[in-house]
Amino acid sequence: MSHKVILDEVNSQFRVHLEGDHYAIVKFEDKGDVYAITSTKVPEKLQVKGYGKVMMEAVLPKIEQFGVKIEPICSYVVHYLNRNAQWSHLKAD
């Protein structure tokens, strides 16, 4: 299932549609060719349903398309990248 990703440049965040009117949020600091991902949030009602993984699987391809790297500051993003080596090429040096 594909989840719609919306880039909100004004608020420096991605919104990922999950279900109904619920969205996951990935906040970042735009450092030019690097997005420092500072926080992620899945609505409390949808936590422990695997939506953290869904969120990352939706956002990382978008970041890759933009041609930028990521600096994982958020602990969930660090955890996700450590478990999913296929995205390690996106980590900034």
PDB file of N, CA and C in Angstrom:
ATOM      1  N   MET A   1       0.836  -1.184   0.000  1.00  0.00           N
ATOM      2  CA  MET A   1       0.000   0.000   0.000  1.00  0.00           C
ATOM      3  C   MET A   1       0.881   1.247   0.000  1.00  0.00           C
ATOM      4  N   SER A   2       0.576   2.170  -0.882  1.00  0.00           N
ATOM      5  CA  SER A   2       1.331   3.415  -0.982  1.00  0.00           C
ATOM      6  C   SER A   2       0.709   4.474  -0.076  1.00  0.00           C
ATOM      7  N   HIS A   3       1.562   5.196   0.611  1.00  0.00           N
ATOM      8  CA  HIS A   3       1.102   6.249   1.513  1.00  0.00           C
ATOM      9  C   HIS A   3       1.543   7.597   0.965  1.00  0.00           C
ATOM     10  N   LYS A   4       0.592   8.520   0.848  1.00  0.00           N
ATOM     11  CA  LYS A   4       0.872   9.841   0.296  1.00  0.00           C
ATOM     12  C   LYS A   4       1.798  10.620   1.220  1.00  0.00           C
ATOM     13  N   VAL A   5       2.831  11.218   0.620  1.00  0.00           N
ATOM     14  CA  VAL A   5       3.798  12.024   1.365  1.00  0.00           C
ATOM     15  C   VAL A   5       3.659  13.470   0.900  1.00  0.00           C
ATOM     16  N   ILE A   6       3.506  14.369   1.857  1.00  0.00           N
ATOM     17  CA  ILE A   6       3.390  15.799   1.570  1.00  0.00           C
ATOM     18  C   ILE A   6       4.585  16.505   2.193  1.00  0.00           C
ATOM     19  N   LEU A   7       5.314  17.260   1.369  1.00  0.00           N
ATOM     20  CA  LEU A   7       6.418  18.068   1.881  1.00  0.00           C
ATOM     21  C   LEU A   7       5.870  19.442   2.237  1.00  0.00           C
ATOM     22  N   ASP A   8       5.975  19.803   3.493  1.00  0.00           N
ATOM     23  CA  ASP A   8       5.563  21.120   3.985  1.00  0.00           C
ATOM     24  C   ASP A   8       6.845  21.909   4.241  1.00  0.00           C
ATOM     25  N   GLU A   9       7.302  22.627   3.217  1.00  0.00           N
ATOM     26  CA  GLU A   9       8.574  23.352   3.325  1.00  0.00           C
ATOM     27  C   GLU A   9       8.508  24.487   4.336  1.00  0.00           C
ATOM     28  N   VAL A  10       7.350  25.115   4.472  1.00  0.00           N
ATOM     29  CA  VAL A  10       7.195  26.232   5.412  1.00  0.00           C
ATOM     30  C   VAL A  10       7.494  25.784   6.838  1.00  0.00           C
ATOM     31  N   ASN A  11       7.018  24.592   7.203  1.00  0.00           N
ATOM     32  CA  ASN A  11       7.210  24.066   8.555  1.00  0.00           C
ATOM     33  C   ASN A  11       8.332  23.038   8.639  1.00  0.00           C
ATOM     34  N   SER A  12       9.082  22.859   7.556  1.00  0.00           N
ATOM     35  CA  SER A  12      10.198  21.904   7.506  1.00  0.00           C
ATOM     36  C   SER A  12       9.787  20.528   8.017  1.00  0.00           C
ATOM     37  N   GLN A  13       8.779  19.970   7.361  1.00  0.00           N
ATOM     38  CA  GLN A  13       8.320  18.643   7.761  1.00  0.00           C
ATOM     39  C   GLN A  13       7.673  17.914   6.588  1.00  0.00           C
ATOM     40  N   PHE A  14       7.709  16.595   6.704  1.00  0.00           N
ATOM     41  CA  PHE A  14       6.957  15.731   5.812  1.00  0.00           C
ATOM     42  C   PHE A  14       5.744  15.247   6.589  1.00  0.00           C
ATOM     43  N   ARG A  15       4.615  15.152   5.902  1.00  0.00           N
ATOM     44  CA  ARG A  15       3.425  14.530   6.480  1.00  0.00           C
ATOM     45  C   ARG A  15       3.124  13.291   5.645  1.00  0.00           C
ATOM     46  N   VAL A  16       2.933  12.176   6.325  1.00  0.00           N
ATOM     47  CA  VAL A  16       2.646  10.910   5.656  1.00  0.00           C
ATOM     48  C   VAL A  16       1.245  10.482   6.052  1.00  0.00           C
ATOM     49  N   HIS A  17       0.358  10.357   5.059  1.00  0.00           N
ATOM     50  CA  HIS A  17      -1.007   9.927   5.354  1.00  0.00           C
ATOM     51  C   HIS A  17      -0.987   8.461   5.771  1.00  0.00           C
ATOM     52  N   LEU A  18      -1.599   8.172   6.905  1.00  0.00           N
ATOM     53  CA  LEU A  18      -1.631   6.798   7.416  1.00  0.00           C
ATOM     54  C   LEU A  18      -2.993   6.164   7.185  1.00  0.00           C
ATOM     55  N   GLU A  19      -4.005   6.689   7.835  1.00  0.00           N
ATOM     56  CA  GLU A  19      -5.369   6.200   7.647  1.00  0.00           C
ATOM     57  C   GLU A  19      -6.337   7.262   8.150  1.00  0.00           C
ATOM     58  N   GLY A  20      -7.517   7.306   7.548  1.00  0.00           N
ATOM     59  CA  GLY A  20      -8.500   8.313   7.951  1.00  0.00           C
ATOM     60  C   GLY A  20      -7.915   9.703   7.837  1.00  0.00           C
ATOM     61  N   ASP A  21      -8.014  10.461   8.924  1.00  0.00           N
ATOM     62  CA  ASP A  21      -7.427  11.810   8.931  1.00  0.00           C
ATOM     63  C   ASP A  21      -6.148  11.856   9.762  1.00  0.00           C
ATOM     64  N   HIS A  22      -5.454  10.734   9.844  1.00  0.00           N
ATOM     65  CA  HIS A  22      -4.228  10.633  10.645  1.00  0.00           C
ATOM     66  C   HIS A  22      -2.976  10.682   9.762  1.00  0.00           C
ATOM     67  N   TYR A  23      -2.012  11.478  10.219  1.00  0.00           N
ATOM     68  CA  TYR A  23      -0.745  11.647   9.517  1.00  0.00           C
ATOM     69  C   TYR A  23       0.416  11.437  10.473  1.00  0.00           C
ATOM     70  N   ALA A  24       1.487  10.854   9.966  1.00  0.00           N
ATOM     71  CA  ALA A  24       2.759  10.819  10.693  1.00  0.00           C
ATOM     72  C   ALA A  24       3.518  12.071  10.277  1.00  0.00           C
ATOM     73  N   ILE A  25       4.359  12.572  11.167  1.00  0.00           N
ATOM     74  CA  ILE A  25       5.126  13.789  10.912  1.00  0.00           C
ATOM     75  C   ILE A  25       6.618  13.488  11.048  1.00  0.00           C
ATOM     76  N   VAL A  26       7.389  13.938  10.075  1.00  0.00           N
ATOM     77  CA  VAL A  26       8.850  13.848  10.118  1.00  0.00           C
ATOM     78  C   VAL A  26       9.370  15.281  10.005  1.00  0.00           C
ATOM     79  N   LYS A  27       9.917  15.793  11.102  1.00  0.00           N
ATOM     80  CA  LYS A  27      10.431  17.169  11.113  1.00  0.00           C
ATOM     81  C   LYS A  27      11.924  17.157  10.813  1.00  0.00           C
ATOM     82  N   PHE A  28      12.356  18.180  10.090  1.00  0.00           N
ATOM     83  CA  PHE A  28      13.764  18.250   9.719  1.00  0.00           C
ATOM     84  C   PHE A  28      14.240  19.693   9.689  1.00  0.00           C
ATOM     85  N   GLU A  29      15.548  19.820   9.751  1.00  0.00           N
ATOM     86  CA  GLU A  29      16.208  21.112   9.574  1.00  0.00           C
ATOM     87  C   GLU A  29      16.919  21.047   8.230  1.00  0.00           C
ATOM     88  N   ASP A  30      16.581  21.950   7.332  1.00  0.00           N
ATOM     89  CA  ASP A  30      17.168  21.971   5.992  1.00  0.00           C
ATOM     90  C   ASP A  30      18.530  22.653   6.055  1.00  0.00           C
ATOM     91  N   LYS A  31      19.577  21.863   5.816  1.00  0.00           N
ATOM     92  CA  LYS A  31      20.948  22.390   5.837  1.00  0.00           C
ATOM     93  C   LYS A  31      21.527  22.435   4.423  1.00  0.00           C
ATOM     94  N   GLY A  32      20.674  22.640   3.450  1.00  0.00           N
ATOM     95  CA  GLY A  32      21.121  22.678   2.055  1.00  0.00           C
ATOM     96  C   GLY A  32      21.069  21.313   1.418  1.00  0.00           C
ATOM     97  N   ASP A  33      22.198  20.618   1.396  1.00  0.00           N
ATOM     98  CA  ASP A  33      22.230  19.281   0.799  1.00  0.00           C
ATOM     99  C   ASP A  33      22.050  18.178   1.837  1.00  0.00           C
ATOM    100  N   VAL A  34      21.678  18.562   3.060  1.00  0.00           N
ATOM    101  CA  VAL A  34      21.427  17.602   4.143  1.00  0.00           C
ATOM    102  C   VAL A  34      20.155  18.010   4.884  1.00  0.00           C
ATOM    103  N   TYR A  35      19.301  17.022   5.143  1.00  0.00           N
ATOM    104  CA  TYR A  35      18.153  17.225   6.030  1.00  0.00           C
ATOM    105  C   TYR A  35      18.501  16.583   7.366  1.00  0.00           C
ATOM    106  N   ALA A  36      18.583  17.385   8.411  1.00  0.00           N
ATOM    107  CA  ALA A  36      18.783  16.850   9.761  1.00  0.00           C
ATOM    108  C   ALA A  36      17.400  16.496  10.291  1.00  0.00           C
ATOM    109  N   ILE A  37      17.119  15.209  10.412  1.00  0.00           N
ATOM    110  CA  ILE A  37      15.797  14.779  10.877  1.00  0.00           C
ATOM    111  C   ILE A  37      15.789  14.856  12.397  1.00  0.00           C
ATOM    112  N   THR A  38      15.020  15.809  12.897  1.00  0.00           N
ATOM    113  CA  THR A  38      15.040  16.126  14.322  1.00  0.00           C
ATOM    114  C   THR A  38      13.985  15.395  15.134  1.00  0.00           C
ATOM    115  N   SER A  39      12.854  15.051  14.514  1.00  0.00           N
ATOM    116  CA  SER A  39      11.826  14.329  15.267  1.00  0.00           C
ATOM    117  C   SER A  39      10.851  13.648  14.319  1.00  0.00           C
ATOM    118  N   THR A  40      10.225  12.607  14.838  1.00  0.00           N
ATOM    119  CA  THR A  40       9.176  11.895  14.113  1.00  0.00           C
ATOM    120  C   THR A  40       8.024  11.678  15.075  1.00  0.00           C
ATOM    121  N   LYS A  41       6.820  11.616  14.519  1.00  0.00           N
ATOM    122  CA  LYS A  41       5.654  11.396  15.381  1.00  0.00           C
ATOM    123  C   LYS A  41       4.583  10.639  14.611  1.00  0.00           C
ATOM    124  N   VAL A  42       4.124   9.570  15.228  1.00  0.00           N
ATOM    125  CA  VAL A  42       2.967   8.825  14.757  1.00  0.00           C
ATOM    126  C   VAL A  42       1.864   9.113  15.767  1.00  0.00           C
ATOM    127  N   PRO A  43       0.637   9.395  15.311  1.00  0.00           N
ATOM    128  CA  PRO A  43      -0.438   9.675  16.267  1.00  0.00           C
ATOM    129  C   PRO A  43      -0.552   8.575  17.321  1.00  0.00           C
ATOM    130  N   GLU A  44      -0.765   9.000  18.553  1.00  0.00           N
ATOM    131  CA  GLU A  44      -0.828   8.056  19.677  1.00  0.00           C
ATOM    132  C   GLU A  44      -1.799   6.913  19.408  1.00  0.00           C
ATOM    133  N   LYS A  45      -2.924   7.220  18.806  1.00  0.00           N
ATOM    134  CA  LYS A  45      -3.958   6.222  18.510  1.00  0.00           C
ATOM    135  C   LYS A  45      -3.442   5.102  17.594  1.00  0.00           C
ATOM    136  N   LEU A  46      -2.413   5.418  16.787  1.00  0.00           N
ATOM    137  CA  LEU A  46      -1.909   4.452  15.808  1.00  0.00           C
ATOM    138  C   LEU A  46      -0.557   3.857  16.174  1.00  0.00           C
ATOM    139  N   GLN A  47      -0.043   4.193  17.339  1.00  0.00           N
ATOM    140  CA  GLN A  47       1.261   3.664  17.734  1.00  0.00           C
ATOM    141  C   GLN A  47       1.179   2.162  17.970  1.00  0.00           C
ATOM    142  N   VAL A  48       2.303   1.505  17.858  1.00  0.00           N
ATOM    143  CA  VAL A  48       2.488   0.043  17.962  1.00  0.00           C
ATOM    144  C   VAL A  48       1.709  -0.738  16.899  1.00  0.00           C
ATOM    145  N   LYS A  49       1.443  -0.100  15.765  1.00  0.00           N
ATOM    146  CA  LYS A  49       0.796  -0.777  14.642  1.00  0.00           C
ATOM    147  C   LYS A  49       1.723  -0.858  13.431  1.00  0.00           C
ATOM    148  N   GLY A  50       3.002  -0.522  13.637  1.00  0.00           N
ATOM    149  CA  GLY A  50       3.959  -0.593  12.543  1.00  0.00           C
ATOM    150  C   GLY A  50       4.012   0.643  11.662  1.00  0.00           C
ATOM    151  N   TYR A  51       3.353   1.707  12.075  1.00  0.00           N
ATOM    152  CA  TYR A  51       3.324   2.909  11.242  1.00  0.00           C
ATOM    153  C   TYR A  51       4.630   3.698  11.265  1.00  0.00           C
ATOM    154  N   GLY A  52       5.486   3.475  12.238  1.00  0.00           N
ATOM    155  CA  GLY A  52       6.804   4.105  12.215  1.00  0.00           C
ATOM    156  C   GLY A  52       7.580   3.633  10.999  1.00  0.00           C
ATOM    157  N   LYS A  53       7.534   2.343  10.756  1.00  0.00           N
ATOM    158  CA  LYS A  53       8.198   1.757   9.585  1.00  0.00           C
ATOM    159  C   LYS A  53       7.559   2.277   8.299  1.00  0.00           C
ATOM    160  N   VAL A  54       6.239   2.322   8.273  1.00  0.00           N
ATOM    161  CA  VAL A  54       5.514   2.841   7.108  1.00  0.00           C
ATOM    162  C   VAL A  54       5.956   4.274   6.814  1.00  0.00           C
ATOM    163  N   MET A  55       6.047   5.076   7.864  1.00  0.00           N
ATOM    164  CA  MET A  55       6.456   6.473   7.742  1.00  0.00           C
ATOM    165  C   MET A  55       7.836   6.569   7.093  1.00  0.00           C
ATOM    166  N   MET A  56       8.786   5.807   7.594  1.00  0.00           N
ATOM    167  CA  MET A  56      10.151   5.858   7.070  1.00  0.00           C
ATOM    168  C   MET A  56      10.212   5.345   5.632  1.00  0.00           C
ATOM    169  N   GLU A  57       9.479   4.278   5.333  1.00  0.00           N
ATOM    170  CA  GLU A  57       9.482   3.711   3.983  1.00  0.00           C
ATOM    171  C   GLU A  57       8.830   4.645   2.969  1.00  0.00           C
ATOM    172  N   ALA A  58       8.007   5.568   3.444  1.00  0.00           N
ATOM    173  CA  ALA A  58       7.392   6.559   2.560  1.00  0.00           C
ATOM    174  C   ALA A  58       8.290   7.776   2.369  1.00  0.00           C
ATOM    175  N   VAL A  59       8.951   8.221   3.434  1.00  0.00           N
ATOM    176  CA  VAL A  59       9.738   9.457   3.393  1.00  0.00           C
ATOM    177  C   VAL A  59      11.124   9.262   2.773  1.00  0.00           C
ATOM    178  N   LEU A  60      11.800   8.185   3.087  1.00  0.00           N
ATOM    179  CA  LEU A  60      13.173   8.015   2.600  1.00  0.00           C
ATOM    180  C   LEU A  60      13.284   8.018   1.072  1.00  0.00           C
ATOM    181  N   PRO A  61      12.377   7.380   0.331  1.00  0.00           N
ATOM    182  CA  PRO A  61      12.470   7.480  -1.131  1.00  0.00           C
ATOM    183  C   PRO A  61      12.303   8.917  -1.636  1.00  0.00           C
ATOM    184  N   LYS A  62      11.474   9.699  -0.972  1.00  0.00           N
ATOM    185  CA  LYS A  62      11.304  11.110  -1.352  1.00  0.00           C
ATOM    186  C   LYS A  62      12.605  11.872  -1.137  1.00  0.00           C
ATOM    187  N   ILE A  63      13.219  11.655   0.003  1.00  0.00           N
ATOM    188  CA  ILE A  63      14.492  12.320   0.299  1.00  0.00           C
ATOM    189  C   ILE A  63      15.534  11.914  -0.738  1.00  0.00           C
ATOM    190  N   GLU A  64      15.545  10.643  -1.083  1.00  0.00           N
ATOM    191  CA  GLU A  64      16.481  10.148  -2.098  1.00  0.00           C
ATOM    192  C   GLU A  64      16.227  10.839  -3.442  1.00  0.00           C
ATOM    193  N   GLN A  65      14.961  11.007  -3.814  1.00  0.00           N
ATOM    194  CA  GLN A  65      14.608  11.694  -5.066  1.00  0.00           C
ATOM    195  C   GLN A  65      15.114  13.132  -5.081  1.00  0.00           C
ATOM    196  N   PHE A  66      15.087  13.789  -3.935  1.00  0.00           N
ATOM    197  CA  PHE A  66      15.542  15.180  -3.843  1.00  0.00           C
ATOM    198  C   PHE A  66      17.062  15.290  -3.947  1.00  0.00           C
ATOM    199  N   GLY A  67      17.762  14.167  -3.813  1.00  0.00           N
ATOM    200  CA  GLY A  67      19.217  14.172  -3.929  1.00  0.00           C
ATOM    201  C   GLY A  67      19.930  14.744  -2.720  1.00  0.00           C
ATOM    202  N   VAL A  68      19.279  14.683  -1.565  1.00  0.00           N
ATOM    203  CA  VAL A  68      19.915  15.169  -0.339  1.00  0.00           C
ATOM    204  C   VAL A  68      20.259  13.990   0.565  1.00  0.00           C
ATOM    205  N   LYS A  69      21.118  14.236   1.515  1.00  0.00           N
ATOM    206  CA  LYS A  69      21.488  13.236   2.521  1.00  0.00           C
ATOM    207  C   LYS A  69      20.720  13.546   3.799  1.00  0.00           C
ATOM    208  N   ILE A  70      20.791  12.641   4.759  1.00  0.00           N
ATOM    209  CA  ILE A  70      20.137  12.889   6.041  1.00  0.00           C
ATOM    210  C   ILE A  70      21.138  12.786   7.182  1.00  0.00           C
ATOM    211  N   GLU A  71      20.898  13.606   8.162  1.00  0.00           N
ATOM    212  CA  GLU A  71      21.615  13.538   9.432  1.00  0.00           C
ATOM    213  C   GLU A  71      20.577  13.073  10.449  1.00  0.00           C
ATOM    214  N   PRO A  72      20.626  11.811  10.850  1.00  0.00           N
ATOM    215  CA  PRO A  72      19.609  11.297  11.768  1.00  0.00           C
ATOM    216  C   PRO A  72      19.857  11.764  13.206  1.00  0.00           C
ATOM    217  N   ILE A  73      19.047  12.679  13.674  1.00  0.00           N
ATOM    218  CA  ILE A  73      19.131  13.153  15.051  1.00  0.00           C
ATOM    219  C   ILE A  73      18.080  12.449  15.907  1.00  0.00           C
ATOM    220  N   CYS A  74      16.895  12.274  15.359  1.00  0.00           N
ATOM    221  CA  CYS A  74      15.802  11.584  16.057  1.00  0.00           C
ATOM    222  C   CYS A  74      16.212  10.136  16.349  1.00  0.00           C
ATOM    223  N   SER A  75      15.991   9.690  17.570  1.00  0.00           N
ATOM    224  CA  SER A  75      16.404   8.339  17.971  1.00  0.00           C
ATOM    225  C   SER A  75      15.704   7.251  17.153  1.00  0.00           C
ATOM    226  N   TYR A  76      14.446   7.478  16.759  1.00  0.00           N
ATOM    227  CA  TYR A  76      13.765   6.464  15.958  1.00  0.00           C
ATOM    228  C   TYR A  76      14.428   6.329  14.584  1.00  0.00           C
ATOM    229  N   VAL A  77      14.813   7.438  13.990  1.00  0.00           N
ATOM    230  CA  VAL A  77      15.463   7.398  12.678  1.00  0.00           C
ATOM    231  C   VAL A  77      16.813   6.689  12.777  1.00  0.00           C
ATOM    232  N   VAL A  78      17.566   6.966  13.826  1.00  0.00           N
ATOM    233  CA  VAL A  78      18.839   6.269  14.056  1.00  0.00           C
ATOM    234  C   VAL A  78      18.580   4.768  14.144  1.00  0.00           C
ATOM    235  N   HIS A  79      17.611   4.377  14.945  1.00  0.00           N
ATOM    236  CA  HIS A  79      17.238   2.970  15.123  1.00  0.00           C
ATOM    237  C   HIS A  79      16.831   2.345  13.784  1.00  0.00           C
ATOM    238  N   TYR A  80      15.977   3.029  13.040  1.00  0.00           N
ATOM    239  CA  TYR A  80      15.497   2.499  11.766  1.00  0.00           C
ATOM    240  C   TYR A  80      16.654   2.288  10.790  1.00  0.00           C
ATOM    241  N   LEU A  81      17.525   3.282  10.675  1.00  0.00           N
ATOM    242  CA  LEU A  81      18.652   3.170   9.743  1.00  0.00           C
ATOM    243  C   LEU A  81      19.627   2.070  10.156  1.00  0.00           C
ATOM    244  N   ASN A  82      19.810   1.873  11.450  1.00  0.00           N
ATOM    245  CA  ASN A  82      20.683   0.791  11.923  1.00  0.00           C
ATOM    246  C   ASN A  82      20.129  -0.576  11.557  1.00  0.00           C
ATOM    247  N   ARG A  83      18.817  -0.696  11.451  1.00  0.00           N
ATOM    248  CA  ARG A  83      18.178  -1.974  11.133  1.00  0.00           C
ATOM    249  C   ARG A  83      17.890  -2.148   9.639  1.00  0.00           C
ATOM    250  N   ASN A  84      18.075  -1.097   8.871  1.00  0.00           N
ATOM    251  CA  ASN A  84      17.735  -1.142   7.446  1.00  0.00           C
ATOM    252  C   ASN A  84      18.886  -0.574   6.620  1.00  0.00           C
ATOM    253  N   ALA A  85      19.902  -1.395   6.445  1.00  0.00           N
ATOM    254  CA  ALA A  85      21.143  -0.970   5.790  1.00  0.00           C
ATOM    255  C   ALA A  85      20.935  -0.496   4.352  1.00  0.00           C
ATOM    256  N   GLN A  86      19.827  -0.869   3.731  1.00  0.00           N
ATOM    257  CA  GLN A  86      19.584  -0.442   2.349  1.00  0.00           C
ATOM    258  C   GLN A  86      19.455   1.076   2.219  1.00  0.00           C
ATOM    259  N   TRP A  87      19.272   1.767   3.342  1.00  0.00           N
ATOM    260  CA  TRP A  87      19.168   3.229   3.316  1.00  0.00           C
ATOM    261  C   TRP A  87      20.438   3.913   3.818  1.00  0.00           C
ATOM    262  N   SER A  88      21.461   3.165   4.126  1.00  0.00           N
ATOM    263  CA  SER A  88      22.675   3.755   4.707  1.00  0.00           C
ATOM    264  C   SER A  88      23.353   4.753   3.762  1.00  0.00           C
ATOM    265  N   HIS A  89      23.137   4.608   2.462  1.00  0.00           N
ATOM    266  CA  HIS A  89      23.736   5.544   1.499  1.00  0.00           C
ATOM    267  C   HIS A  89      23.182   6.962   1.633  1.00  0.00           C
ATOM    268  N   LEU A  90      22.070   7.118   2.336  1.00  0.00           N
ATOM    269  CA  LEU A  90      21.493   8.452   2.527  1.00  0.00           C
ATOM    270  C   LEU A  90      22.093   9.198   3.712  1.00  0.00           C
ATOM    271  N   LYS A  91      22.825   8.495   4.571  1.00  0.00           N
ATOM    272  CA  LYS A  91      23.405   9.151   5.746  1.00  0.00           C
ATOM    273  C   LYS A  91      24.540  10.082   5.333  1.00  0.00           C
ATOM    274  N   ALA A  92      24.482  11.306   5.849  1.00  0.00           N
ATOM    275  CA  ALA A  92      25.545  12.280   5.581  1.00  0.00           C
ATOM    276  C   ALA A  92      26.824  11.820   6.267  1.00  0.00           C
ATOM    277  N   ASP A  93      27.954  12.150   5.665  1.00  0.00           N
ATOM    278  CA  ASP A  93      29.255  11.752   6.236  1.00  0.00           C
ATOM    279  C   ASP A  93      29.576  12.520   7.496  1.00  0.00           C
TER     280      ASP A  93
END
